[in-house]
PDB file of all heavy atoms in Angstrom:
ATOM      1  N   ASN A   1      52.494  81.723 100.998  1.00  0.00           N
ATOM      2  CA  ASN A   1      52.268  82.032  99.595  1.00  0.00           C
ATOM      3  C   ASN A   1      52.938  83.355  99.235  1.00  0.00           C
ATOM      4  O   ASN A   1      52.977  84.293 100.040  1.00  0.00           O
ATOM      5  CB  ASN A   1      50.774  82.151  99.298  1.00  0.00           C
ATOM      6  CG  ASN A   1      50.054  80.827  99.369  1.00  0.00           C
ATOM      7  OD1 ASN A   1      50.653  79.774  99.167  1.00  0.00           O
ATOM      8  ND2 ASN A   1      48.768  80.866  99.664  1.00  0.00           N
ATOM      9  N   ILE A   2      53.469  83.430  98.021  1.00  0.00           N
ATOM     10  CA  ILE A   2      53.918  84.710  97.463  1.00  0.00           C
ATOM     11  C   ILE A   2      52.710  85.314  96.756  1.00  0.00           C
ATOM     12  O   ILE A   2      52.160  84.708  95.831  1.00  0.00           O
ATOM     13  CB  ILE A   2      55.064  84.516  96.460  1.00  0.00           C
ATOM     14  CG1 ILE A   2      56.209  83.691  97.065  1.00  0.00           C
ATOM     15  CG2 ILE A   2      55.583  85.867  95.981  1.00  0.00           C
ATOM     16  CD1 ILE A   2      57.220  83.221  96.032  1.00  0.00           C
ATOM     17  N   THR A   3      52.299  86.496  97.174  1.00  0.00           N
ATOM     18  CA  THR A   3      51.073  87.073  96.630  1.00  0.00           C
ATOM     19  C   THR A   3      51.228  88.570  96.366  1.00  0.00           C
ATOM     20  O   THR A   3      52.159  89.213  96.847  1.00  0.00           O
ATOM     21  CB  THR A   3      49.883  86.865  97.588  1.00  0.00           C
ATOM     22  OG1 THR A   3      50.253  87.323  98.889  1.00  0.00           O
ATOM     23  CG2 THR A   3      49.478  85.400  97.664  1.00  0.00           C
ATOM     24  N   GLU A   4      50.263  89.102  95.608  1.00  0.00           N
ATOM     25  CA  GLU A   4      50.186  90.541  95.370  1.00  0.00           C
ATOM     26  C   GLU A   4      49.538  91.223  96.566  1.00  0.00           C
ATOM     27  O   GLU A   4      48.616  90.681  97.182  1.00  0.00           O
ATOM     28  CB  GLU A   4      49.379  90.824  94.103  1.00  0.00           C
ATOM     29  CG  GLU A   4      49.994  90.250  92.837  1.00  0.00           C
ATOM     30  CD  GLU A   4      49.201  90.558  91.590  1.00  0.00           C
ATOM     31  OE1 GLU A   4      48.044  91.044  91.718  1.00  0.00           O
ATOM     32  OE2 GLU A   4      49.726  90.316  90.487  1.00  0.00           O
ATOM     33  N   HIS A   5      50.016  92.434  96.866  1.00  0.00           N
ATOM     34  CA  HIS A   5      49.498  93.173  98.019  1.00  0.00           C
ATOM     35  C   HIS A   5      49.035  94.564  97.580  1.00  0.00           C
ATOM     36  O   HIS A   5      48.143  94.649  96.752  1.00  0.00           O
ATOM     37  CB  HIS A   5      50.554  93.203  99.128  1.00  0.00           C
ATOM     38  CG  HIS A   5      50.858  91.847  99.681  1.00  0.00           C
ATOM     39  ND1 HIS A   5      50.176  91.306 100.752  1.00  0.00           N
ATOM     40  CD2 HIS A   5      51.729  90.887  99.269  1.00  0.00           C
ATOM     41  CE1 HIS A   5      50.625  90.091 101.001  1.00  0.00           C
ATOM     42  NE2 HIS A   5      51.566  89.804 100.109  1.00  0.00           N
ATOM     43  N   GLU A   6      49.618  95.631  98.099  1.00  0.00           N
ATOM     44  CA  GLU A   6      49.146  96.965  97.770  1.00  0.00           C
ATOM     45  C   GLU A   6      49.239  97.262  96.273  1.00  0.00           C
ATOM     46  O   GLU A   6      50.160  96.817  95.596  1.00  0.00           O
ATOM     47  CB  GLU A   6      49.967  98.033  98.517  1.00  0.00           C
ATOM     48  CG  GLU A   6      49.860  97.977 100.018  1.00  0.00           C
ATOM     49  CD  GLU A   6      50.967  97.190 100.669  1.00  0.00           C
ATOM     50  OE1 GLU A   6      51.512  96.253 100.027  1.00  0.00           O
ATOM     51  OE2 GLU A   6      51.292  97.477 101.823  1.00  0.00           O
ATOM     52  N   HIS A   7      48.267  98.027  95.796  1.00  0.00           N
ATOM     53  CA  HIS A   7      48.322  98.617  94.466  1.00  0.00           C
ATOM     54  C   HIS A   7      48.601 100.108  94.659  1.00  0.00           C
ATOM     55  O   HIS A   7      47.793 100.824  95.269  1.00  0.00           O
ATOM     56  CB  HIS A   7      47.005  98.410  93.715  1.00  0.00           C
ATOM     57  CG  HIS A   7      46.802  97.000  93.225  1.00  0.00           C
ATOM     58  ND1 HIS A   7      46.833  95.906  94.067  1.00  0.00           N
ATOM     59  CD2 HIS A   7      46.580  96.508  91.976  1.00  0.00           C
ATOM     60  CE1 HIS A   7      46.625  94.804  93.357  1.00  0.00           C
ATOM     61  NE2 HIS A   7      46.472  95.136  92.096  1.00  0.00           N
ATOM     62  N   ILE A   8      49.745 100.568  94.162  1.00  0.00           N
ATOM     63  CA  ILE A   8      50.205 101.928  94.440  1.00  0.00           C
ATOM     64  C   ILE A   8      50.108 102.781  93.174  1.00  0.00           C
ATOM     65  O   ILE A   8      50.696 102.444  92.140  1.00  0.00           O
ATOM     66  CB  ILE A   8      51.644 101.912  94.972  1.00  0.00           C
ATOM     67  CG1 ILE A   8      51.680 101.140  96.306  1.00  0.00           C
ATOM     68  CG2 ILE A   8      52.172 103.328  95.154  1.00  0.00           C
ATOM     69  CD1 ILE A   8      53.053 101.059  96.928  1.00  0.00           C
ATOM     70  N   ALA A   9      49.374 103.859  93.274  1.00  0.00           N
ATOM     71  CA  ALA A   9      49.204 104.763  92.137  1.00  0.00           C
ATOM     72  C   ALA A   9      50.435 105.651  91.991  1.00  0.00           C
ATOM     73  O   ALA A   9      51.081 106.005  92.980  1.00  0.00           O
ATOM     74  CB  ALA A   9      47.961 105.623  92.338  1.00  0.00           C
ATOM     75  N   PRO A  10      50.770 106.034  90.767  1.00  0.00           N
ATOM     76  CA  PRO A  10      51.882 106.975  90.571  1.00  0.00           C
ATOM     77  C   PRO A  10      51.566 108.309  91.220  1.00  0.00           C
ATOM     78  O   PRO A  10      50.403 108.725  91.295  1.00  0.00           O
ATOM     79  CB  PRO A  10      51.967 107.120  89.051  1.00  0.00           C
ATOM     80  CG  PRO A  10      51.168 105.991  88.481  1.00  0.00           C
ATOM     81  CD  PRO A  10      50.131 105.644  89.501  1.00  0.00           C
ATOM     82  N   ILE A  11      52.631 108.998  91.673  1.00  0.00           N
ATOM     83  CA  ILE A  11      52.416 110.335  92.230  1.00  0.00           C
ATOM     84  C   ILE A  11      52.834 111.432  91.261  1.00  0.00           C
ATOM     85  O   ILE A  11      52.418 112.578  91.403  1.00  0.00           O
ATOM     86  CB  ILE A  11      53.146 110.519  93.575  1.00  0.00           C
ATOM     87  CG1 ILE A  11      54.669 110.414  93.397  1.00  0.00           C
ATOM     88  CG2 ILE A  11      52.649 109.526  94.602  1.00  0.00           C
ATOM     89  CD1 ILE A  11      55.446 110.812  94.637  1.00  0.00           C
ATOM     90  N   GLU A  12      53.646 111.053  90.231  1.00  0.00           N
ATOM     91  CA  GLU A  12      54.131 112.107  89.336  1.00  0.00           C
ATOM     92  C   GLU A  12      54.719 111.508  88.065  1.00  0.00           C
ATOM     93  O   GLU A  12      55.340 110.448  88.103  1.00  0.00           O
ATOM     94  CB  GLU A  12      55.215 112.932  90.051  1.00  0.00           C
ATOM     95  CG  GLU A  12      55.685 114.162  89.305  1.00  0.00           C
ATOM     96  CD  GLU A  12      56.720 114.957  90.061  1.00  0.00           C
ATOM     97  OE1 GLU A  12      57.213 114.458  91.106  1.00  0.00           O
ATOM     98  OE2 GLU A  12      57.043 116.072  89.618  1.00  0.00           O
ATOM     99  N   LEU A  13      54.489 112.205  86.953  1.00  0.00           N
ATOM    100  CA  LEU A  13      55.189 111.921  85.700  1.00  0.00           C
ATOM    101  C   LEU A  13      56.246 113.001  85.528  1.00  0.00           C
ATOM    102  O   LEU A  13      55.936 114.191  85.467  1.00  0.00           O
ATOM    103  CB  LEU A  13      54.223 111.927  84.519  1.00  0.00           C
ATOM    104  CG  LEU A  13      54.845 111.806  83.121  1.00  0.00           C
ATOM    105  CD1 LEU A  13      55.575 110.472  82.966  1.00  0.00           C
ATOM    106  CD2 LEU A  13      53.784 111.965  82.036  1.00  0.00           C
ATOM    107  N   ILE A  14      57.505 112.569  85.474  1.00  0.00           N
ATOM    108  CA  ILE A  14      58.632 113.498  85.445  1.00  0.00           C
ATOM    109  C   ILE A  14      59.283 113.482  84.063  1.00  0.00           C
ATOM    110  O   ILE A  14      59.430 112.423  83.455  1.00  0.00           O
ATOM    111  CB  ILE A  14      59.697 113.077  86.488  1.00  0.00           C
ATOM    112  CG1 ILE A  14      59.094 113.039  87.895  1.00  0.00           C
ATOM    113  CG2 ILE A  14      60.912 113.985  86.441  1.00  0.00           C
ATOM    114  CD1 ILE A  14      59.966 112.325  88.899  1.00  0.00           C
ATOM    115  N   THR A  15      59.666 114.639  83.589  1.00  0.00           N
ATOM    116  CA  THR A  15      60.575 114.724  82.453  1.00  0.00           C
ATOM    117  C   THR A  15      61.925 115.154  83.018  1.00  0.00           C
ATOM    118  O   THR A  15      62.060 116.259  83.552  1.00  0.00           O
ATOM    119  CB  THR A  15      60.091 115.725  81.403  1.00  0.00           C
ATOM    120  OG1 THR A  15      58.812 115.316  80.913  1.00  0.00           O
ATOM    121  CG2 THR A  15      61.063 115.770  80.225  1.00  0.00           C
ATOM    122  N   THR A  16      62.920 114.289  82.937  1.00  0.00           N
ATOM    123  CA  THR A  16      64.216 114.563  83.551  1.00  0.00           C
ATOM    124  C   THR A  16      65.010 115.571  82.720  1.00  0.00           C
ATOM    125  O   THR A  16      64.658 115.844  81.555  1.00  0.00           O
ATOM    126  CB  THR A  16      65.036 113.259  83.678  1.00  0.00           C
ATOM    127  OG1 THR A  16      65.453 112.841  82.359  1.00  0.00           O
ATOM    128  CG2 THR A  16      64.239 112.159  84.336  1.00  0.00           C
ATOM    129  N   PRO A  17      66.086 116.111  83.277  1.00  0.00           N
ATOM    130  CA  PRO A  17      66.924 117.020  82.492  1.00  0.00           C
ATOM    131  C   PRO A  17      67.427 116.404  81.192  1.00  0.00           C
ATOM    132  O   PRO A  17      67.681 117.129  80.224  1.00  0.00           O
ATOM    133  CB  PRO A  17      68.085 117.326  83.457  1.00  0.00           C
ATOM    134  CG  PRO A  17      67.488 117.189  84.815  1.00  0.00           C
ATOM    135  CD  PRO A  17      66.503 116.060  84.698  1.00  0.00           C
ATOM    136  N   LYS A  18      67.551 115.062  81.136  1.00  0.00           N
ATOM    137  CA  LYS A  18      67.972 114.396  79.907  1.00  0.00           C
ATOM    138  C   LYS A  18      66.803 114.163  78.947  1.00  0.00           C
ATOM    139  O   LYS A  18      66.999 113.604  77.863  1.00  0.00           O
ATOM    140  CB  LYS A  18      68.629 113.057  80.229  1.00  0.00           C
ATOM    141  CG  LYS A  18      70.006 113.177  80.885  1.00  0.00           C
ATOM    142  CD  LYS A  18      70.628 111.791  81.080  1.00  0.00           C
ATOM    143  CE  LYS A  18      72.024 111.883  81.652  1.00  0.00           C
ATOM    144  NZ  LYS A  18      72.625 110.534  81.857  1.00  0.00           N
ATOM    145  N   GLY A  19      65.605 114.541  79.341  1.00  0.00           N
ATOM    146  CA  GLY A  19      64.440 114.362  78.487  1.00  0.00           C
ATOM    147  C   GLY A  19      63.772 113.007  78.632  1.00  0.00           C
ATOM    148  O   GLY A  19      62.895 112.660  77.827  1.00  0.00           O
ATOM    149  N   GLU A  20      64.118 112.249  79.658  1.00  0.00           N
ATOM    150  CA  GLU A  20      63.510 110.931  79.867  1.00  0.00           C
ATOM    151  C   GLU A  20      62.151 111.091  80.550  1.00  0.00           C
ATOM    152  O   GLU A  20      61.974 111.963  81.412  1.00  0.00           O
ATOM    153  CB  GLU A  20      64.421 110.073  80.759  1.00  0.00           C
ATOM    154  CG  GLU A  20      65.837 109.924  80.240  1.00  0.00           C
ATOM    155  CD  GLU A  20      66.798 109.572  81.357  1.00  0.00           C
ATOM    156  OE1 GLU A  20      66.790 110.272  82.394  1.00  0.00           O
ATOM    157  OE2 GLU A  20      67.551 108.608  81.193  1.00  0.00           O
ATOM    158  N   ARG A  21      61.208 110.233  80.162  1.00  0.00           N
ATOM    159  CA  ARG A  21      59.908 110.218  80.831  1.00  0.00           C
ATOM    160  C   ARG A  21      59.970 109.191  81.951  1.00  0.00           C
ATOM    161  O   ARG A  21      60.147 107.996  81.701  1.00  0.00           O
ATOM    162  CB  ARG A  21      58.799 109.889  79.840  1.00  0.00           C
ATOM    163  CG  ARG A  21      58.581 110.966  78.780  1.00  0.00           C
ATOM    164  CD  ARG A  21      57.464 110.627  77.842  1.00  0.00           C
ATOM    165  NE  ARG A  21      57.746 109.412  77.065  1.00  0.00           N
ATOM    166  CZ  ARG A  21      56.899 108.866  76.197  1.00  0.00           C
ATOM    167  NH1 ARG A  21      55.714 109.408  76.000  1.00  0.00           N
ATOM    168  NH2 ARG A  21      57.233 107.780  75.520  1.00  0.00           N
ATOM    169  N   VAL A  22      59.800 109.636  83.181  1.00  0.00           N
ATOM    170  CA  VAL A  22      59.960 108.788  84.358  1.00  0.00           C
ATOM    171  C   VAL A  22      58.723 108.918  85.241  1.00  0.00           C
ATOM    172  O   VAL A  22      58.246 110.020  85.501  1.00  0.00           O
ATOM    173  CB  VAL A  22      61.223 109.180  85.151  1.00  0.00           C
ATOM    174  CG1 VAL A  22      61.303 108.411  86.465  1.00  0.00           C
ATOM    175  CG2 VAL A  22      62.476 108.943  84.310  1.00  0.00           C
ATOM    176  N   ILE A  23      58.214 107.782  85.692  1.00  0.00           N
ATOM    177  CA  ILE A  23      57.074 107.770  86.603  1.00  0.00           C
ATOM    178  C   ILE A  23      57.575 107.471  88.010  1.00  0.00           C
ATOM    179  O   ILE A  23      58.312 106.514  88.239  1.00  0.00           O
ATOM    180  CB  ILE A  23      56.030 106.721  86.169  1.00  0.00           C
ATOM    181  CG1 ILE A  23      55.395 107.135  84.830  1.00  0.00           C
ATOM    182  CG2 ILE A  23      54.947 106.564  87.236  1.00  0.00           C
ATOM    183  CD1 ILE A  23      54.438 106.116  84.271  1.00  0.00           C
ATOM    184  N   ASP A  24      57.143 108.299  88.955  1.00  0.00           N
ATOM    185  CA  ASP A  24      57.512 108.157  90.364  1.00  0.00           C
ATOM    186  C   ASP A  24      56.315 107.608  91.132  1.00  0.00           C
ATOM    187  O   ASP A  24      55.234 108.206  91.114  1.00  0.00           O
ATOM    188  CB  ASP A  24      57.925 109.527  90.925  1.00  0.00           C
ATOM    189  CG  ASP A  24      58.319 109.465  92.397  1.00  0.00           C
ATOM    190  OD1 ASP A  24      58.397 108.361  92.969  1.00  0.00           O
ATOM    191  OD2 ASP A  24      58.560 110.553  92.974  1.00  0.00           O
ATOM    192  N   PHE A  25      56.520 106.458  91.809  1.00  0.00           N
ATOM    193  CA  PHE A  25      55.457 105.865  92.627  1.00  0.00           C
ATOM    194  C   PHE A  25      55.559 106.274  94.094  1.00  0.00           C
ATOM    195  O   PHE A  25      54.730 105.867  94.905  1.00  0.00           O
ATOM    196  CB  PHE A  25      55.475 104.339  92.501  1.00  0.00           C
ATOM    197  CG  PHE A  25      55.048 103.852  91.144  1.00  0.00           C
ATOM    198  CD1 PHE A  25      55.990 103.544  90.175  1.00  0.00           C
ATOM    199  CD2 PHE A  25      53.706 103.726  90.826  1.00  0.00           C
ATOM    200  CE1 PHE A  25      55.602 103.106  88.909  1.00  0.00           C
ATOM    201  CE2 PHE A  25      53.308 103.290  89.568  1.00  0.00           C
ATOM    202  CZ  PHE A  25      54.258 102.981  88.615  1.00  0.00           C
ATOM    203  N   GLY A  26      56.593 107.049  94.437  1.00  0.00           N
ATOM    204  CA  GLY A  26      56.678 107.603  95.774  1.00  0.00           C
ATOM    205  C   GLY A  26      57.089 106.640  96.867  1.00  0.00           C
ATOM    206  O   GLY A  26      57.158 107.037  98.036  1.00  0.00           O
ATOM    207  N   GLN A  27      57.353 105.395  96.522  1.00  0.00           N
ATOM    208  CA  GLN A  27      57.702 104.387  97.526  1.00  0.00           C
ATOM    209  C   GLN A  27      58.582 103.325  96.881  1.00  0.00           C
ATOM    210  O   GLN A  27      58.239 102.801  95.824  1.00  0.00           O
ATOM    211  CB  GLN A  27      56.442 103.718  98.085  1.00  0.00           C
ATOM    212  CG  GLN A  27      56.685 102.534  99.010  1.00  0.00           C
ATOM    213  CD  GLN A  27      57.470 102.933 100.257  1.00  0.00           C
ATOM    214  OE1 GLN A  27      57.050 103.817 100.994  1.00  0.00           O
ATOM    215  NE2 GLN A  27      58.602 102.299 100.474  1.00  0.00           N
ATOM    216  N   ASN A  28      59.706 103.020  97.512  1.00  0.00           N
ATOM    217  CA  ASN A  28      60.531 101.910  97.050  1.00  0.00           C
ATOM    218  C   ASN A  28      59.849 100.602  97.425  1.00  0.00           C
ATOM    219  O   ASN A  28      59.372 100.452  98.550  1.00  0.00           O
ATOM    220  CB  ASN A  28      61.923 102.001  97.681  1.00  0.00           C
ATOM    221  CG  ASN A  28      62.984 101.345  96.828  1.00  0.00           C
ATOM    222  OD1 ASN A  28      62.691 100.860  95.739  1.00  0.00           O
ATOM    223  ND2 ASN A  28      64.202 101.320  97.309  1.00  0.00           N
ATOM    224  N   MET A  29      59.814  99.654  96.517  1.00  0.00           N
ATOM    225  CA  MET A  29      59.029  98.432  96.724  1.00  0.00           C
ATOM    226  C   MET A  29      59.580  97.299  95.876  1.00  0.00           C
ATOM    227  O   MET A  29      60.462  97.486  95.031  1.00  0.00           O
ATOM    228  CB  MET A  29      57.571  98.686  96.340  1.00  0.00           C
ATOM    229  CG  MET A  29      57.369  98.841  94.833  1.00  0.00           C
ATOM    230  SD  MET A  29      55.739  99.435  94.363  1.00  0.00           S
ATOM    231  CE  MET A  29      56.000 101.202  94.474  1.00  0.00           C
ATOM    232  N   THR A  30      59.030  96.109  96.089  1.00  0.00           N
ATOM    233  CA  THR A  30      59.287  94.962  95.225  1.00  0.00           C
ATOM    234  C   THR A  30      57.967  94.534  94.597  1.00  0.00           C
ATOM    235  O   THR A  30      56.945  94.445  95.283  1.00  0.00           O
ATOM    236  CB  THR A  30      59.882  93.790  96.030  1.00  0.00           C
ATOM    237  OG1 THR A  30      61.181  94.156  96.474  1.00  0.00           O
ATOM    238  CG2 THR A  30      59.988  92.535  95.185  1.00  0.00           C
ATOM    239  N   GLY A  31      57.993  94.272  93.305  1.00  0.00           N
ATOM    240  CA  GLY A  31      56.790  93.850  92.594  1.00  0.00           C
ATOM    241  C   GLY A  31      56.928  94.123  91.122  1.00  0.00           C
ATOM    242  O   GLY A  31      57.972  93.852  90.523  1.00  0.00           O
ATOM    243  N   TYR A  32      55.888  94.700  90.533  1.00  0.00           N
ATOM    244  CA  TYR A  32      55.906  95.016  89.109  1.00  0.00           C
ATOM    245  C   TYR A  32      54.845  96.056  88.812  1.00  0.00           C
ATOM    246  O   TYR A  32      54.005  96.378  89.664  1.00  0.00           O
ATOM    247  CB  TYR A  32      55.696  93.771  88.249  1.00  0.00           C
ATOM    248  CG  TYR A  32      54.771  92.714  88.824  1.00  0.00           C
ATOM    249  CD1 TYR A  32      53.387  92.911  88.899  1.00  0.00           C
ATOM    250  CD2 TYR A  32      55.282  91.505  89.290  1.00  0.00           C
ATOM    251  CE1 TYR A  32      52.549  91.939  89.406  1.00  0.00           C
ATOM    252  CE2 TYR A  32      54.444  90.528  89.816  1.00  0.00           C
ATOM    253  CZ  TYR A  32      53.084  90.744  89.873  1.00  0.00           C
ATOM    254  OH  TYR A  32      52.265  89.775  90.400  1.00  0.00           O
ATOM    255  N   VAL A  33      54.882  96.575  87.592  1.00  0.00           N
ATOM    256  CA  VAL A  33      53.962  97.637  87.185  1.00  0.00           C
ATOM    257  C   VAL A  33      52.913  97.060  86.244  1.00  0.00           C
ATOM    258  O   VAL A  33      53.223  96.273  85.343  1.00  0.00           O
ATOM    259  CB  VAL A  33      54.715  98.797  86.512  1.00  0.00           C
ATOM    260  CG1 VAL A  33      53.744  99.863  86.008  1.00  0.00           C
ATOM    261  CG2 VAL A  33      55.714  99.409  87.483  1.00  0.00           C
ATOM    262  N   GLN A  34      51.678  97.462  86.464  1.00  0.00           N
ATOM    263  CA  GLN A  34      50.553  97.027  85.631  1.00  0.00           C
ATOM    264  C   GLN A  34      50.049  98.198  84.794  1.00  0.00           C
ATOM    265  O   GLN A  34      49.908  99.316  85.290  1.00  0.00           O
ATOM    266  CB  GLN A  34      49.431  96.494  86.522  1.00  0.00           C
ATOM    267  CG  GLN A  34      48.148  96.144  85.773  1.00  0.00           C
ATOM    268  CD  GLN A  34      47.096  95.584  86.690  1.00  0.00           C
ATOM    269  OE1 GLN A  34      47.185  94.441  87.147  1.00  0.00           O
ATOM    270  NE2 GLN A  34      46.073  96.379  87.000  1.00  0.00           N
ATOM    271  N   PHE A  35      49.782  97.906  83.507  1.00  0.00           N
ATOM    272  CA  PHE A  35      49.241  98.894  82.578  1.00  0.00           C
ATOM    273  C   PHE A  35      47.881  98.425  82.085  1.00  0.00           C
ATOM    274  O   PHE A  35      47.719  97.266  81.696  1.00  0.00           O
ATOM    275  CB  PHE A  35      50.167  99.066  81.371  1.00  0.00           C
ATOM    276  CG  PHE A  35      51.519  99.622  81.702  1.00  0.00           C
ATOM    277  CD1 PHE A  35      52.554  98.796  82.092  1.00  0.00           C
ATOM    278  CD2 PHE A  35      51.757 100.989  81.623  1.00  0.00           C
ATOM    279  CE1 PHE A  35      53.804  99.305  82.396  1.00  0.00           C
ATOM    280  CE2 PHE A  35      53.000 101.516  81.919  1.00  0.00           C
ATOM    281  CZ  PHE A  35      54.030 100.669  82.310  1.00  0.00           C
ATOM    282  N   ASP A  36      46.908  99.325  82.113  1.00  0.00           N
ATOM    283  CA  ASP A  36      45.596  99.079  81.514  1.00  0.00           C
ATOM    284  C   ASP A  36      45.479 100.081  80.368  1.00  0.00           C
ATOM    285  O   ASP A  36      45.053 101.213  80.555  1.00  0.00           O
ATOM    286  CB  ASP A  36      44.499  99.281  82.556  1.00  0.00           C
ATOM    287  CG  ASP A  36      43.114  98.953  82.014  1.00  0.00           C
ATOM    288  OD1 ASP A  36      43.008  98.526  80.849  1.00  0.00           O
ATOM    289  OD2 ASP A  36      42.131  99.149  82.748  1.00  0.00           O
ATOM    290  N   VAL A  37      45.881  99.650  79.168  1.00  0.00           N
ATOM    291  CA  VAL A  37      46.129 100.636  78.129  1.00  0.00           C
ATOM    292  C   VAL A  37      45.782 100.090  76.749  1.00  0.00           C
ATOM    293  O   VAL A  37      45.814  98.877  76.513  1.00  0.00           O
ATOM    294  CB  VAL A  37      47.622 101.074  78.169  1.00  0.00           C
ATOM    295  CG1 VAL A  37      48.536  99.944  77.758  1.00  0.00           C
ATOM    296  CG2 VAL A  37      47.883 102.330  77.351  1.00  0.00           C
ATOM    297  N   TYR A  38      45.460 101.002  75.870  1.00  0.00           N
ATOM    298  CA  TYR A  38      45.245 100.673  74.453  1.00  0.00           C
ATOM    299  C   TYR A  38      46.441 101.166  73.653  1.00  0.00           C
ATOM    300  O   TYR A  38      46.969 102.252  73.916  1.00  0.00           O
ATOM    301  CB  TYR A  38      43.981 101.339  73.922  1.00  0.00           C
ATOM    302  CG  TYR A  38      43.903 101.367  72.415  1.00  0.00           C
ATOM    303  CD1 TYR A  38      43.481 100.247  71.703  1.00  0.00           C
ATOM    304  CD2 TYR A  38      44.305 102.496  71.696  1.00  0.00           C
ATOM    305  CE1 TYR A  38      43.432 100.261  70.321  1.00  0.00           C
ATOM    306  CE2 TYR A  38      44.261 102.516  70.313  1.00  0.00           C
ATOM    307  CZ  TYR A  38      43.819 101.387  69.628  1.00  0.00           C
ATOM    308  OH  TYR A  38      43.802 101.395  68.263  1.00  0.00           O
ATOM    309  N   GLY A  39      46.849 100.387  72.681  1.00  0.00           N
ATOM    310  CA  GLY A  39      47.885 100.815  71.751  1.00  0.00           C
ATOM    311  C   GLY A  39      47.654 100.195  70.393  1.00  0.00           C
ATOM    312  O   GLY A  39      46.992  99.160  70.273  1.00  0.00           O
ATOM    313  N   LYS A  40      48.153 100.829  69.375  1.00  0.00           N
ATOM    314  CA  LYS A  40      48.021 100.272  68.033  1.00  0.00           C
ATOM    315  C   LYS A  40      48.738  98.933  67.933  1.00  0.00           C
ATOM    316  O   LYS A  40      49.703  98.674  68.653  1.00  0.00           O
ATOM    317  CB  LYS A  40      48.597 101.254  67.006  1.00  0.00           C
ATOM    318  CG  LYS A  40      47.855 102.579  66.910  1.00  0.00           C
ATOM    319  CD  LYS A  40      48.557 103.521  65.936  1.00  0.00           C
ATOM    320  CE  LYS A  40      47.876 104.876  65.902  1.00  0.00           C
ATOM    321  NZ  LYS A  40      48.607 105.839  65.030  1.00  0.00           N
ATOM    322  N   LYS A  41      48.273  98.117  67.024  1.00  0.00           N
ATOM    323  CA  LYS A  41      48.856  96.799  66.828  1.00  0.00           C
ATOM    324  C   LYS A  41      50.358  96.934  66.537  1.00  0.00           C
ATOM    325  O   LYS A  41      50.765  97.649  65.625  1.00  0.00           O
ATOM    326  CB  LYS A  41      48.151  96.116  65.655  1.00  0.00           C
ATOM    327  CG  LYS A  41      48.401  94.643  65.518  1.00  0.00           C
ATOM    328  CD  LYS A  41      47.491  94.077  64.430  1.00  0.00           C
ATOM    329  CE  LYS A  41      47.674  92.582  64.297  1.00  0.00           C
ATOM    330  NZ  LYS A  41      46.776  92.016  63.254  1.00  0.00           N
ATOM    331  N   GLY A  42      51.161  96.265  67.347  1.00  0.00           N
ATOM    332  CA  GLY A  42      52.609  96.290  67.168  1.00  0.00           C
ATOM    333  C   GLY A  42      53.330  97.345  67.976  1.00  0.00           C
ATOM    334  O   GLY A  42      54.560  97.305  68.093  1.00  0.00           O
ATOM    335  N   GLU A  43      52.590  98.312  68.528  1.00  0.00           N
ATOM    336  CA  GLU A  43      53.239  99.283  69.406  1.00  0.00           C
ATOM    337  C   GLU A  43      53.717  98.586  70.674  1.00  0.00           C
ATOM    338  O   GLU A  43      53.228  97.511  71.042  1.00  0.00           O
ATOM    339  CB  GLU A  43      52.283 100.425  69.743  1.00  0.00           C
ATOM    340  CG  GLU A  43      52.073 101.401  68.606  1.00  0.00           C
ATOM    341  CD  GLU A  43      51.271 102.617  69.034  1.00  0.00           C
ATOM    342  OE1 GLU A  43      50.322 102.453  69.819  1.00  0.00           O
ATOM    343  OE2 GLU A  43      51.592 103.730  68.571  1.00  0.00           O
ATOM    344  N   ARG A  44      54.655  99.234  71.373  1.00  0.00           N
ATOM    345  CA  ARG A  44      55.260  98.579  72.521  1.00  0.00           C
ATOM    346  C   ARG A  44      55.267  99.502  73.748  1.00  0.00           C
ATOM    347  O   ARG A  44      55.400 100.715  73.626  1.00  0.00           O
ATOM    348  CB  ARG A  44      56.706  98.169  72.217  1.00  0.00           C
ATOM    349  CG  ARG A  44      56.871  97.383  70.944  1.00  0.00           C
ATOM    350  CD  ARG A  44      58.199  96.643  70.847  1.00  0.00           C
ATOM    351  NE  ARG A  44      59.357  97.400  71.293  1.00  0.00           N
ATOM    352  CZ  ARG A  44      60.554  96.860  71.539  1.00  0.00           C
ATOM    353  NH1 ARG A  44      60.722  95.569  71.393  1.00  0.00           N
ATOM    354  NH2 ARG A  44      61.566  97.613  71.917  1.00  0.00           N
TER     355      ARG A  44
END
């Protein structure tokens, strides 16, 4: 079976020299990111 395994918390929120907001998970991996978040209707 292809299944979900470790859940890895971010280690840092970075603002790069170009002003980009980047999240570092500290480990190269295959999978996807999950958000548990509230946003206004239509926000992305």
